Amino acid sequence: MPQDPEEKRDRRRKHVTGSVRAMERKVGEAEAKASRVPGTEEILAMEAKRARARAKKEIKSGRMLSMPPAPGAGELSRDELYEEARRRNIKGRSSMTKAQLEHALRR
């Protein structure tokens, strides 16, 4: 038996109205989220503040943090460490690991 056309129209109207309200909520949430994102001026101000804090820290420590440290033994390969151990005539160097070579060369 076919449904009453008015009932069908009412159910459809409720469904469409509910869908529209759900979409409005999603749009409202997206707008609220977008308003919490800092603007360009705020980002620039935060970056400037961080740069000033870093400069103070560099001055207090007496060194430039932006400059890379001098290469140390940790940056050398095992082969380079082995050659240095050979130059210094360290015994047992052929069976040593990289960590052992670093330790032997520090002595």
PDB file of N, CA and C in Angstrom:
ATOM      1  N   MET A   1       0.832  -1.170   0.000  1.00  0.00           N
ATOM      2  CA  MET A   1       0.000   0.000   0.000  1.00  0.00           C
ATOM      3  C   MET A   1       0.887   1.246   0.000  1.00  0.00           C
ATOM      4  N   PRO A   2       0.677   2.167  -0.920  1.00  0.00           N
ATOM      5  CA  PRO A   2       1.502   3.376  -1.007  1.00  0.00           C
ATOM      6  C   PRO A   2       1.319   4.273   0.212  1.00  0.00           C
ATOM      7  N   GLN A   3       2.433   4.980   0.544  1.00  0.00           N
ATOM      8  CA  GLN A   3       2.387   5.896   1.688  1.00  0.00           C
ATOM      9  C   GLN A   3       1.670   7.181   1.306  1.00  0.00           C
ATOM     10  N   ASP A   4       1.233   7.864   2.338  1.00  0.00           N
ATOM     11  CA  ASP A   4       0.581   9.147   2.143  1.00  0.00           C
ATOM     12  C   ASP A   4       1.632  10.138   1.639  1.00  0.00           C
ATOM     13  N   PRO A   5       1.378  10.869   0.571  1.00  0.00           N
ATOM     14  CA  PRO A   5       2.366  11.811   0.030  1.00  0.00           C
ATOM     15  C   PRO A   5       2.794  12.881   1.027  1.00  0.00           C
ATOM     16  N   GLU A   6       1.895  13.307   1.894  1.00  0.00           N
ATOM     17  CA  GLU A   6       2.250  14.335   2.876  1.00  0.00           C
ATOM     18  C   GLU A   6       3.231  13.790   3.907  1.00  0.00           C
ATOM     19  N   GLU A   7       3.032  12.542   4.342  1.00  0.00           N
ATOM     20  CA  GLU A   7       3.958  11.929   5.298  1.00  0.00           C
ATOM     21  C   GLU A   7       5.348  11.807   4.675  1.00  0.00           C
ATOM     22  N   LYS A   8       5.351  11.378   3.431  1.00  0.00           N
ATOM     23  CA  LYS A   8       6.626  11.224   2.727  1.00  0.00           C
ATOM     24  C   LYS A   8       7.333  12.580   2.613  1.00  0.00           C
ATOM     25  N   ARG A   9       6.584  13.616   2.267  1.00  0.00           N
ATOM     26  CA  ARG A   9       7.143  14.960   2.142  1.00  0.00           C
ATOM     27  C   ARG A   9       7.681  15.450   3.485  1.00  0.00           C
ATOM     28  N   ASP A  10       6.937  15.195   4.578  1.00  0.00           N
ATOM     29  CA  ASP A  10       7.371  15.618   5.911  1.00  0.00           C
ATOM     30  C   ASP A  10       8.666  14.911   6.320  1.00  0.00           C
ATOM     31  N   ARG A  11       8.718  13.581   6.069  1.00  0.00           N
ATOM     32  CA  ARG A  11       9.941  12.847   6.411  1.00  0.00           C
ATOM     33  C   ARG A  11      11.133  13.372   5.607  1.00  0.00           C
ATOM     34  N   ARG A  12      10.893  13.625   4.340  1.00  0.00           N
ATOM     35  CA  ARG A  12      11.971  14.135   3.484  1.00  0.00           C
ATOM     36  C   ARG A  12      12.407  15.527   3.952  1.00  0.00           C
ATOM     37  N   ARG A  13      11.458  16.384   4.314  1.00  0.00           N
ATOM     38  CA  ARG A  13      11.770  17.729   4.787  1.00  0.00           C
ATOM     39  C   ARG A  13      12.616  17.649   6.063  1.00  0.00           C
ATOM     40  N   LYS A  14      12.250  16.743   7.011  1.00  0.00           N
ATOM     41  CA  LYS A  14      13.029  16.575   8.240  1.00  0.00           C
ATOM     42  C   LYS A  14      14.449  16.104   7.933  1.00  0.00           C
ATOM     43  N   HIS A  15      14.539  15.169   6.999  1.00  0.00           N
ATOM     44  CA  HIS A  15      15.856  14.643   6.632  1.00  0.00           C
ATOM     45  C   HIS A  15      16.736  15.744   6.027  1.00  0.00           C
ATOM     46  N   VAL A  16      16.171  16.500   5.108  1.00  0.00           N
ATOM     47  CA  VAL A  16      16.923  17.586   4.463  1.00  0.00           C
ATOM     48  C   VAL A  16      17.294  18.653   5.483  1.00  0.00           C
ATOM     49  N   THR A  17      16.363  19.008   6.362  1.00  0.00           N
ATOM     50  CA  THR A  17      16.633  20.010   7.392  1.00  0.00           C
ATOM     51  C   THR A  17      17.753  19.543   8.312  1.00  0.00           C
ATOM     52  N   GLY A  18      17.709  18.265   8.704  1.00  0.00           N
ATOM     53  CA  GLY A  18      18.768  17.711   9.552  1.00  0.00           C
ATOM     54  C   GLY A  18      20.121  17.745   8.861  1.00  0.00           C
ATOM     55  N   SER A  19      20.148  17.427   7.575  1.00  0.00           N
ATOM     56  CA  SER A  19      21.401  17.461   6.815  1.00  0.00           C
ATOM     57  C   SER A  19      21.955  18.879   6.730  1.00  0.00           C
ATOM     58  N   VAL A  20      21.080  19.836   6.494  1.00  0.00           N
ATOM     59  CA  VAL A  20      21.509  21.235   6.408  1.00  0.00           C
ATOM     60  C   VAL A  20      22.085  21.695   7.744  1.00  0.00           C
ATOM     61  N   ARG A  21      21.426  21.344   8.840  1.00  0.00           N
ATOM     62  CA  ARG A  21      21.927  21.730  10.172  1.00  0.00           C
ATOM     63  C   ARG A  21      23.288  21.093  10.451  1.00  0.00           C
ATOM     64  N   ALA A  22      23.454  19.838  10.049  1.00  0.00           N
ATOM     65  CA  ALA A  22      24.745  19.165  10.245  1.00  0.00           C
ATOM     66  C   ALA A  22      25.841  19.879   9.457  1.00  0.00           C
ATOM     67  N   MET A  23      25.527  20.283   8.234  1.00  0.00           N
ATOM     68  CA  MET A  23      26.506  21.009   7.414  1.00  0.00           C
ATOM     69  C   MET A  23      26.837  22.356   8.050  1.00  0.00           C
ATOM     70  N   GLU A  24      25.832  23.038   8.584  1.00  0.00           N
ATOM     71  CA  GLU A  24      26.070  24.324   9.240  1.00  0.00           C
ATOM     72  C   GLU A  24      26.975  24.154  10.454  1.00  0.00           C
ATOM     73  N   ARG A  25      26.772  23.064  11.211  1.00  0.00           N
ATOM     74  CA  ARG A  25      27.634  22.803  12.374  1.00  0.00           C
ATOM     75  C   ARG A  25      29.080  22.588  11.927  1.00  0.00           C
ATOM     76  N   LYS A  26      29.257  21.811  10.857  1.00  0.00           N
ATOM     77  CA  LYS A  26      30.611  21.550  10.358  1.00  0.00           C
ATOM     78  C   LYS A  26      31.281  22.842   9.905  1.00  0.00           C
ATOM     79  N   VAL A  27      30.535  23.684   9.220  1.00  0.00           N
ATOM     80  CA  VAL A  27      31.081  24.966   8.769  1.00  0.00           C
ATOM     81  C   VAL A  27      31.433  25.831   9.970  1.00  0.00           C
ATOM     82  N   GLY A  28      30.569  25.856  10.969  1.00  0.00           N
ATOM     83  CA  GLY A  28      30.827  26.639  12.180  1.00  0.00           C
ATOM     84  C   GLY A  28      32.067  26.147  12.906  1.00  0.00           C
ATOM     85  N   GLU A  29      32.226  24.818  12.994  1.00  0.00           N
ATOM     86  CA  GLU A  29      33.415  24.260  13.642  1.00  0.00           C
ATOM     87  C   GLU A  29      34.672  24.619  12.860  1.00  0.00           C
ATOM     88  N   ALA A  30      34.604  24.559  11.537  1.00  0.00           N
ATOM     89  CA  ALA A  30      35.756  24.895  10.705  1.00  0.00           C
ATOM     90  C   ALA A  30      36.135  26.366  10.866  1.00  0.00           C
ATOM     91  N   GLU A  31      35.132  27.239  10.929  1.00  0.00           N
ATOM     92  CA  GLU A  31      35.411  28.666  11.117  1.00  0.00           C
ATOM     93  C   GLU A  31      36.036  28.919  12.481  1.00  0.00           C
ATOM     94  N   ALA A  32      35.542  28.238  13.509  1.00  0.00           N
ATOM     95  CA  ALA A  32      36.105  28.405  14.853  1.00  0.00           C
ATOM     96  C   ALA A  32      37.548  27.914  14.887  1.00  0.00           C
ATOM     97  N   LYS A  33      37.802  26.810  14.222  1.00  0.00           N
ATOM     98  CA  LYS A  33      39.162  26.264  14.179  1.00  0.00           C
ATOM     99  C   LYS A  33      40.091  27.225  13.430  1.00  0.00           C
ATOM    100  N   ALA A  34      39.612  27.787  12.333  1.00  0.00           N
ATOM    101  CA  ALA A  34      40.423  28.716  11.551  1.00  0.00           C
ATOM    102  C   ALA A  34      40.732  29.982  12.339  1.00  0.00           C
ATOM    103  N   SER A  35      39.827  30.401  13.204  1.00  0.00           N
ATOM    104  CA  SER A  35      40.069  31.621  13.978  1.00  0.00           C
ATOM    105  C   SER A  35      41.132  31.397  15.048  1.00  0.00           C
ATOM    106  N   ARG A  36      41.385  30.132  15.427  1.00  0.00           N
ATOM    107  CA  ARG A  36      42.407  29.840  16.432  1.00  0.00           C
ATOM    108  C   ARG A  36      43.809  29.777  15.830  1.00  0.00           C
ATOM    109  N   VAL A  37      43.925  29.715  14.508  1.00  0.00           N
ATOM    110  CA  VAL A  37      45.222  29.667  13.838  1.00  0.00           C
ATOM    111  C   VAL A  37      45.833  31.063  13.879  1.00  0.00           C
ATOM    112  N   PRO A  38      47.109  31.188  14.316  1.00  0.00           N
ATOM    113  CA  PRO A  38      47.715  32.512  14.391  1.00  0.00           C
ATOM    114  C   PRO A  38      47.917  33.117  13.002  1.00  0.00           C
ATOM    115  N   GLY A  39      47.794  34.437  12.946  1.00  0.00           N
ATOM    116  CA  GLY A  39      47.977  35.145  11.695  1.00  0.00           C
ATOM    117  C   GLY A  39      49.449  35.367  11.389  1.00  0.00           C
ATOM    118  N   THR A  40      49.718  35.930  10.232  1.00  0.00           N
ATOM    119  CA  THR A  40      51.089  36.162   9.789  1.00  0.00           C
ATOM    120  C   THR A  40      51.839  37.066  10.753  1.00  0.00           C
ATOM    121  N   GLU A  41      51.203  38.124  11.212  1.00  0.00           N
ATOM    122  CA  GLU A  41      51.870  39.054  12.131  1.00  0.00           C
ATOM    123  C   GLU A  41      52.214  38.370  13.448  1.00  0.00           C
ATOM    124  N   GLU A  42      51.297  37.539  13.930  1.00  0.00           N
ATOM    125  CA  GLU A  42      51.561  36.822  15.184  1.00  0.00           C
ATOM    126  C   GLU A  42      52.717  35.844  15.020  1.00  0.00           C
ATOM    127  N   ILE A  43      52.771  35.165  13.892  1.00  0.00           N
ATOM    128  CA  ILE A  43      53.861  34.218  13.634  1.00  0.00           C
ATOM    129  C   ILE A  43      55.192  34.951  13.573  1.00  0.00           C
ATOM    130  N   LEU A  44      55.239  36.078  12.876  1.00  0.00           N
ATOM    131  CA  LEU A  44      56.474  36.860  12.786  1.00  0.00           C
ATOM    132  C   LEU A  44      56.910  37.353  14.160  1.00  0.00           C
ATOM    133  N   ALA A  45      55.960  37.765  14.979  1.00  0.00           N
ATOM    134  CA  ALA A  45      56.289  38.226  16.329  1.00  0.00           C
ATOM    135  C   ALA A  45      56.862  37.089  17.164  1.00  0.00           C
ATOM    136  N   MET A  46      56.282  35.888  17.043  1.00  0.00           N
ATOM    137  CA  MET A  46      56.800  34.736  17.795  1.00  0.00           C
ATOM    138  C   MET A  46      58.211  34.372  17.341  1.00  0.00           C
ATOM    139  N   GLU A  47      58.449  34.416  16.026  1.00  0.00           N
ATOM    140  CA  GLU A  47      59.782  34.093  15.505  1.00  0.00           C
ATOM    141  C   GLU A  47      60.811  35.115  15.973  1.00  0.00           C
ATOM    142  N   ALA A  48      60.443  36.386  15.988  1.00  0.00           N
ATOM    143  CA  ALA A  48      61.361  37.425  16.456  1.00  0.00           C
ATOM    144  C   ALA A  48      61.680  37.230  17.932  1.00  0.00           C
ATOM    145  N   LYS A  49      60.679  36.873  18.714  1.00  0.00           N
ATOM    146  CA  LYS A  49      60.891  36.640  20.143  1.00  0.00           C
ATOM    147  C   LYS A  49      61.852  35.468  20.353  1.00  0.00           C
ATOM    148  N   ARG A  50      61.669  34.396  19.594  1.00  0.00           N
ATOM    149  CA  ARG A  50      62.571  33.240  19.704  1.00  0.00           C
ATOM    150  C   ARG A  50      63.992  33.616  19.289  1.00  0.00           C
ATOM    151  N   ALA A  51      64.121  34.422  18.240  1.00  0.00           N
ATOM    152  CA  ALA A  51      65.448  34.823  17.775  1.00  0.00           C
ATOM    153  C   ALA A  51      66.163  35.661  18.833  1.00  0.00           C
ATOM    154  N   ARG A  52      65.432  36.571  19.488  1.00  0.00           N
ATOM    155  CA  ARG A  52      66.045  37.376  20.549  1.00  0.00           C
ATOM    156  C   ARG A  52      66.495  36.495  21.708  1.00  0.00           C
ATOM    157  N   ALA A  53      65.660  35.530  22.083  1.00  0.00           N
ATOM    158  CA  ALA A  53      66.018  34.626  23.182  1.00  0.00           C
ATOM    159  C   ALA A  53      67.246  33.801  22.819  1.00  0.00           C
ATOM    160  N   ARG A  54      67.324  33.361  21.585  1.00  0.00           N
ATOM    161  CA  ARG A  54      68.479  32.568  21.149  1.00  0.00           C
ATOM    162  C   ARG A  54      69.745  33.416  21.133  1.00  0.00           C
ATOM    163  N   ALA A  55      69.630  34.661  20.688  1.00  0.00           N
ATOM    164  CA  ALA A  55      70.797  35.543  20.663  1.00  0.00           C
ATOM    165  C   ALA A  55      71.316  35.782  22.077  1.00  0.00           C
ATOM    166  N   LYS A  56      70.406  35.975  23.030  1.00  0.00           N
ATOM    167  CA  LYS A  56      70.827  36.155  24.423  1.00  0.00           C
ATOM    168  C   LYS A  56      71.560  34.917  24.916  1.00  0.00           C
ATOM    169  N   LYS A  57      71.034  33.756  24.576  1.00  0.00           N
ATOM    170  CA  LYS A  57      71.646  32.502  25.009  1.00  0.00           C
ATOM    171  C   LYS A  57      73.044  32.348  24.401  1.00  0.00           C
ATOM    172  N   GLU A  58      73.194  32.719  23.133  1.00  0.00           N
ATOM    173  CA  GLU A  58      74.499  32.635  22.473  1.00  0.00           C
ATOM    174  C   GLU A  58      75.503  33.565  23.140  1.00  0.00           C
ATOM    175  N   ILE A  59      75.055  34.765  23.475  1.00  0.00           N
ATOM    176  CA  ILE A  59      75.952  35.732  24.108  1.00  0.00           C
ATOM    177  C   ILE A  59      76.361  35.242  25.488  1.00  0.00           C
ATOM    178  N   LYS A  60      75.401  34.719  26.262  1.00  0.00           N
ATOM    179  CA  LYS A  60      75.704  34.227  27.606  1.00  0.00           C
ATOM    180  C   LYS A  60      76.671  33.053  27.572  1.00  0.00           C
ATOM    181  N   SER A  61      76.523  32.164  26.607  1.00  0.00           N
ATOM    182  CA  SER A  61      77.384  30.988  26.558  1.00  0.00           C
ATOM    183  C   SER A  61      78.749  31.320  25.962  1.00  0.00           C
ATOM    184  N   GLY A  62      78.869  32.465  25.323  1.00  0.00           N
ATOM    185  CA  GLY A  62      80.146  32.872  24.756  1.00  0.00           C
ATOM    186  C   GLY A  62      80.464  32.198  23.437  1.00  0.00           C
ATOM    187  N   ARG A  63      79.499  31.589  22.819  1.00  0.00           N
ATOM    188  CA  ARG A  63      79.751  30.964  21.527  1.00  0.00           C
ATOM    189  C   ARG A  63      78.523  31.137  20.646  1.00  0.00           C
ATOM    190  N   MET A  64      78.714  30.942  19.390  1.00  0.00           N
ATOM    191  CA  MET A  64      77.623  31.067  18.444  1.00  0.00           C
ATOM    192  C   MET A  64      76.959  29.704  18.267  1.00  0.00           C
ATOM    193  N   LEU A  65      75.696  29.607  18.636  1.00  0.00           N
ATOM    194  CA  LEU A  65      74.991  28.341  18.505  1.00  0.00           C
ATOM    195  C   LEU A  65      74.691  28.017  17.052  1.00  0.00           C
ATOM    196  N   SER A  66      74.636  29.017  16.215  1.00  0.00           N
ATOM    197  CA  SER A  66      74.298  28.767  14.825  1.00  0.00           C
ATOM    198  C   SER A  66      75.459  28.170  14.047  1.00  0.00           C
ATOM    199  N   MET A  67      76.671  28.248  14.583  1.00  0.00           N
ATOM    200  CA  MET A  67      77.826  27.677  13.897  1.00  0.00           C
ATOM    201  C   MET A  67      77.948  26.200  14.263  1.00  0.00           C
ATOM    202  N   PRO A  68      78.252  25.351  13.291  1.00  0.00           N
ATOM    203  CA  PRO A  68      78.388  23.932  13.593  1.00  0.00           C
ATOM    204  C   PRO A  68      79.647  23.672  14.416  1.00  0.00           C
ATOM    205  N   PRO A  69      79.633  22.661  15.266  1.00  0.00           N
ATOM    206  CA  PRO A  69      80.816  22.354  16.055  1.00  0.00           C
ATOM    207  C   PRO A  69      81.935  21.816  15.174  1.00  0.00           C
ATOM    208  N   ALA A  70      83.147  21.923  15.665  1.00  0.00           N
ATOM    209  CA  ALA A  70      84.290  21.395  14.923  1.00  0.00           C
ATOM    210  C   ALA A  70      84.153  19.884  14.813  1.00  0.00           C
ATOM    211  N   PRO A  71      84.617  19.297  13.705  1.00  0.00           N
ATOM    212  CA  PRO A  71      84.482  17.851  13.565  1.00  0.00           C
ATOM    213  C   PRO A  71      85.262  17.123  14.650  1.00  0.00           C
ATOM    214  N   GLY A  72      84.636  16.166  15.270  1.00  0.00           N
ATOM    215  CA  GLY A  72      85.273  15.399  16.328  1.00  0.00           C
ATOM    216  C   GLY A  72      85.440  13.958  15.905  1.00  0.00           C
ATOM    217  N   ALA A  73      85.916  13.142  16.824  1.00  0.00           N
ATOM    218  CA  ALA A  73      86.150  11.736  16.521  1.00  0.00           C
ATOM    219  C   ALA A  73      84.845  11.021  16.189  1.00  0.00           C
ATOM    220  N   GLY A  74      83.733  11.473  16.743  1.00  0.00           N
ATOM    221  CA  GLY A  74      82.445  10.839  16.481  1.00  0.00           C
ATOM    222  C   GLY A  74      81.997  10.966  15.043  1.00  0.00           C
ATOM    223  N   GLU A  75      82.545  11.924  14.319  1.00  0.00           N
ATOM    224  CA  GLU A  75      82.158  12.129  12.933  1.00  0.00           C
ATOM    225  C   GLU A  75      83.073  11.396  11.965  1.00  0.00           C
ATOM    226  N   LEU A  76      84.172  10.844  12.452  1.00  0.00           N
ATOM    227  CA  LEU A  76      85.099  10.123  11.595  1.00  0.00           C
ATOM    228  C   LEU A  76      84.587   8.710  11.355  1.00  0.00           C
ATOM    229  N   SER A  77      84.883   8.176  10.176  1.00  0.00           N
ATOM    230  CA  SER A  77      84.479   6.804   9.885  1.00  0.00           C
ATOM    231  C   SER A  77      85.431   5.832  10.568  1.00  0.00           C
ATOM    232  N   ARG A  78      85.059   4.558  10.579  1.00  0.00           N
ATOM    233  CA  ARG A  78      85.917   3.549  11.195  1.00  0.00           C
ATOM    234  C   ARG A  78      87.249   3.465  10.460  1.00  0.00           C
ATOM    235  N   ASP A  79      87.207   3.583   9.129  1.00  0.00           N
ATOM    236  CA  ASP A  79      88.447   3.519   8.346  1.00  0.00           C
ATOM    237  C   ASP A  79      89.381   4.673   8.691  1.00  0.00           C
ATOM    238  N   GLU A  80      88.814   5.871   8.873  1.00  0.00           N
ATOM    239  CA  GLU A  80      89.647   7.022   9.245  1.00  0.00           C
ATOM    240  C   GLU A  80      90.247   6.831  10.634  1.00  0.00           C
ATOM    241  N   LEU A  81      89.442   6.303  11.550  1.00  0.00           N
ATOM    242  CA  LEU A  81      89.954   6.022  12.894  1.00  0.00           C
ATOM    243  C   LEU A  81      91.035   4.949  12.843  1.00  0.00           C
ATOM    244  N   TYR A  82      90.837   3.940  12.001  1.00  0.00           N
ATOM    245  CA  TYR A  82      91.818   2.867  11.869  1.00  0.00           C
ATOM    246  C   TYR A  82      93.149   3.416  11.349  1.00  0.00           C
ATOM    247  N   GLU A  83      93.079   4.296  10.361  1.00  0.00           N
ATOM    248  CA  GLU A  83      94.318   4.888   9.813  1.00  0.00           C
ATOM    249  C   GLU A  83      95.057   5.685  10.880  1.00  0.00           C
ATOM    250  N   GLU A  84      94.318   6.432  11.695  1.00  0.00           N
ATOM    251  CA  GLU A  84      94.949   7.196  12.775  1.00  0.00           C
ATOM    252  C   GLU A  84      95.561   6.250  13.805  1.00  0.00           C
ATOM    253  N   ALA A  85      94.868   5.151  14.109  1.00  0.00           N
ATOM    254  CA  ALA A  85      95.408   4.156  15.051  1.00  0.00           C
ATOM    255  C   ALA A  85      96.657   3.507  14.478  1.00  0.00           C
ATOM    256  N   ARG A  86      96.661   3.274  13.185  1.00  0.00           N
ATOM    257  CA  ARG A  86      97.851   2.698  12.548  1.00  0.00           C
ATOM    258  C   ARG A  86      99.011   3.683  12.614  1.00  0.00           C
ATOM    259  N   ARG A  87      98.709   4.955  12.391  1.00  0.00           N
ATOM    260  CA  ARG A  87      99.754   5.984  12.449  1.00  0.00           C
ATOM    261  C   ARG A  87     100.359   6.056  13.845  1.00  0.00           C
ATOM    262  N   ARG A  88      99.502   5.877  14.873  1.00  0.00           N
ATOM    263  CA  ARG A  88      99.982   5.922  16.264  1.00  0.00           C
ATOM    264  C   ARG A  88     100.485   4.561  16.759  1.00  0.00           C
ATOM    265  N   ASN A  89     100.407   3.560  15.890  1.00  0.00           N
ATOM    266  CA  ASN A  89     100.898   2.214  16.185  1.00  0.00           C
ATOM    267  C   ASN A  89     100.190   1.603  17.402  1.00  0.00           C
ATOM    268  N   ILE A  90      98.862   1.656  17.398  1.00  0.00           N
ATOM    269  CA  ILE A  90      98.064   1.072  18.480  1.00  0.00           C
ATOM    270  C   ILE A  90      97.889  -0.416  18.197  1.00  0.00           C
ATOM    271  N   LYS A  91      98.228  -1.252  19.173  1.00  0.00           N
ATOM    272  CA  LYS A  91      98.162  -2.709  19.022  1.00  0.00           C
ATOM    273  C   LYS A  91      96.706  -3.182  19.053  1.00  0.00           C
ATOM    274  N   GLY A  92      96.392  -4.206  18.262  1.00  0.00           N
ATOM    275  CA  GLY A  92      95.061  -4.807  18.240  1.00  0.00           C
ATOM    276  C   GLY A  92      94.032  -4.003  17.476  1.00  0.00           C
ATOM    277  N   ARG A  93      94.464  -3.031  16.711  1.00  0.00           N
ATOM    278  CA  ARG A  93      93.537  -2.131  16.024  1.00  0.00           C
ATOM    279  C   ARG A  93      92.699  -2.834  14.961  1.00  0.00           C
ATOM    280  N   SER A  94      93.205  -3.895  14.357  1.00  0.00           N
ATOM    281  CA  SER A  94      92.476  -4.549  13.266  1.00  0.00           C
ATOM    282  C   SER A  94      91.192  -5.221  13.743  1.00  0.00           C
ATOM    283  N   SER A  95      91.135  -5.639  14.998  1.00  0.00           N
ATOM    284  CA  SER A  95      89.933  -6.313  15.504  1.00  0.00           C
ATOM    285  C   SER A  95      89.025  -5.373  16.294  1.00  0.00           C
ATOM    286  N   MET A  96      89.380  -4.094  16.380  1.00  0.00           N
ATOM    287  CA  MET A  96      88.598  -3.139  17.171  1.00  0.00           C
ATOM    288  C   MET A  96      87.396  -2.623  16.389  1.00  0.00           C
ATOM    289  N   THR A  97      86.329  -2.325  17.132  1.00  0.00           N
ATOM    290  CA  THR A  97      85.159  -1.673  16.545  1.00  0.00           C
ATOM    291  C   THR A  97      85.416  -0.164  16.503  1.00  0.00           C
ATOM    292  N   LYS A  98      84.504   0.555  15.900  1.00  0.00           N
ATOM    293  CA  LYS A  98      84.644   2.011  15.821  1.00  0.00           C
ATOM    294  C   LYS A  98      84.715   2.622  17.219  1.00  0.00           C
ATOM    295  N   ALA A  99      83.833   2.169  18.120  1.00  0.00           N
ATOM    296  CA  ALA A  99      83.818   2.705  19.486  1.00  0.00           C
ATOM    297  C   ALA A  99      85.129   2.406  20.207  1.00  0.00           C
ATOM    298  N   GLN A 100      85.664   1.198  19.998  1.00  0.00           N
ATOM    299  CA  GLN A 100      86.928   0.833  20.636  1.00  0.00           C
ATOM    300  C   GLN A 100      88.079   1.663  20.076  1.00  0.00           C
ATOM    301  N   LEU A 101      88.064   1.901  18.766  1.00  0.00           N
ATOM    302  CA  LEU A 101      89.107   2.742  18.164  1.00  0.00           C
ATOM    303  C   LEU A 101      89.032   4.164  18.720  1.00  0.00           C
ATOM    304  N   GLU A 102      87.824   4.710  18.850  1.00  0.00           N
ATOM    305  CA  GLU A 102      87.668   6.056  19.419  1.00  0.00           C
ATOM    306  C   GLU A 102      88.225   6.101  20.834  1.00  0.00           C
ATOM    307  N   HIS A 103      87.922   5.087  21.626  1.00  0.00           N
ATOM    308  CA  HIS A 103      88.397   5.023  23.013  1.00  0.00           C
ATOM    309  C   HIS A 103      89.925   4.933  23.052  1.00  0.00           C
ATOM    310  N   ALA A 104      90.499   4.094  22.198  1.00  0.00           N
ATOM    311  CA  ALA A 104      91.955   3.924  22.178  1.00  0.00           C
ATOM    312  C   ALA A 104      92.653   5.205  21.735  1.00  0.00           C
ATOM    313  N   LEU A 105      92.055   5.931  20.812  1.00  0.00           N
ATOM    314  CA  LEU A 105      92.681   7.164  20.319  1.00  0.00           C
ATOM    315  C   LEU A 105      92.544   8.306  21.316  1.00  0.00           C
ATOM    316  N   ARG A 106      91.558   8.242  22.200  1.00  0.00           N
ATOM    317  CA  ARG A 106      91.405   9.298  23.206  1.00  0.00           C
ATOM    318  C   ARG A 106      92.475   9.222  24.281  1.00  0.00           C
ATOM    319  N   ARG A 107      93.063   8.071  24.497  1.00  0.00           N
ATOM    320  CA  ARG A 107      94.068   7.915  25.565  1.00  0.00           C
ATOM    321  C   ARG A 107      95.325   8.664  25.266  1.00  0.00           C
TER     322      ARG A 107
END
